[in-house]
Amino acid sequence: MRPEPPDPRRPVPHPDRDPSQPRRPVHRPLRDVPLPSALYAQGALRHCD
């Protein structure tokens, strides 16, 4: 049997996303974003005087 051609109506699954997992939002989870206090400690951000 020949494999069925991809259905143009169905979205192509993203290669980095597991199709068995629910669709996740594009934005990063908050836990992956460093806290501003950590950035202040590193000197990456400066308080505006």
Protein backbone atom coordinates (compact mmCIF):
# COMPACT_ATOMS: atom_id res chain seq x y z
CA MET A 1 0.00 0.00 0.00
CA ARG A 2 1.19 3.50 -0.80
CA PRO A 3 1.29 5.97 2.07
CA GLU A 4 -1.57 8.42 1.96
CA PRO A 5 -0.65 11.91 0.78
CA PRO A 6 -0.72 14.50 3.56
CA ASP A 7 -4.11 16.09 3.98
CA PRO A 8 -3.73 19.85 3.33
CA ARG A 9 -6.58 20.49 5.76
CA ARG A 10 -4.63 18.94 8.63
CA PRO A 11 -1.83 21.03 10.18
CA VAL A 12 1.59 19.46 9.84
CA PRO A 13 2.83 18.44 13.30
CA HIS A 14 5.83 20.37 14.44
CA PRO A 15 8.94 18.15 14.50
CA ASP A 16 9.98 19.46 17.91
CA ARG A 17 6.55 18.87 19.46
CA ASP A 18 5.36 15.47 20.60
CA PRO A 19 2.00 14.90 18.86
CA SER A 20 0.78 12.96 21.91
CA GLN A 21 1.28 16.02 24.12
CA PRO A 22 -1.37 18.77 24.23
CA ARG A 23 -0.63 21.86 22.22
CA ARG A 24 1.42 24.31 24.22
CA PRO A 25 1.38 28.09 23.89
CA VAL A 26 4.18 29.64 21.89
CA HIS A 27 5.37 31.88 24.72
CA ARG A 28 7.78 30.46 27.29
CA PRO A 29 6.50 29.35 30.66
CA LEU A 30 7.04 31.90 33.41
CA ARG A 31 9.30 29.51 35.29
CA ASP A 32 11.82 29.72 32.42
CA VAL A 33 12.00 33.50 32.62
CA PRO A 34 14.58 34.79 35.13
CA LEU A 35 13.17 36.94 37.89
CA PRO A 36 13.92 40.66 37.68
CA SER A 37 15.58 40.47 41.10
CA ALA A 38 18.02 37.91 39.71
CA LEU A 39 18.80 40.24 36.81
CA TYR A 40 19.32 43.12 39.19
CA ALA A 41 21.72 40.98 41.22
CA GLN A 42 23.65 40.16 38.04
CA GLY A 43 23.75 43.83 37.08
CA ALA A 44 21.96 43.15 33.81
CA LEU A 45 19.24 45.66 34.69
CA ARG A 46 19.73 49.05 36.28
CA HIS A 47 17.23 50.89 38.42
CA CYS A 48 16.23 54.13 36.78
CA ASP A 49 17.15 56.96 39.16
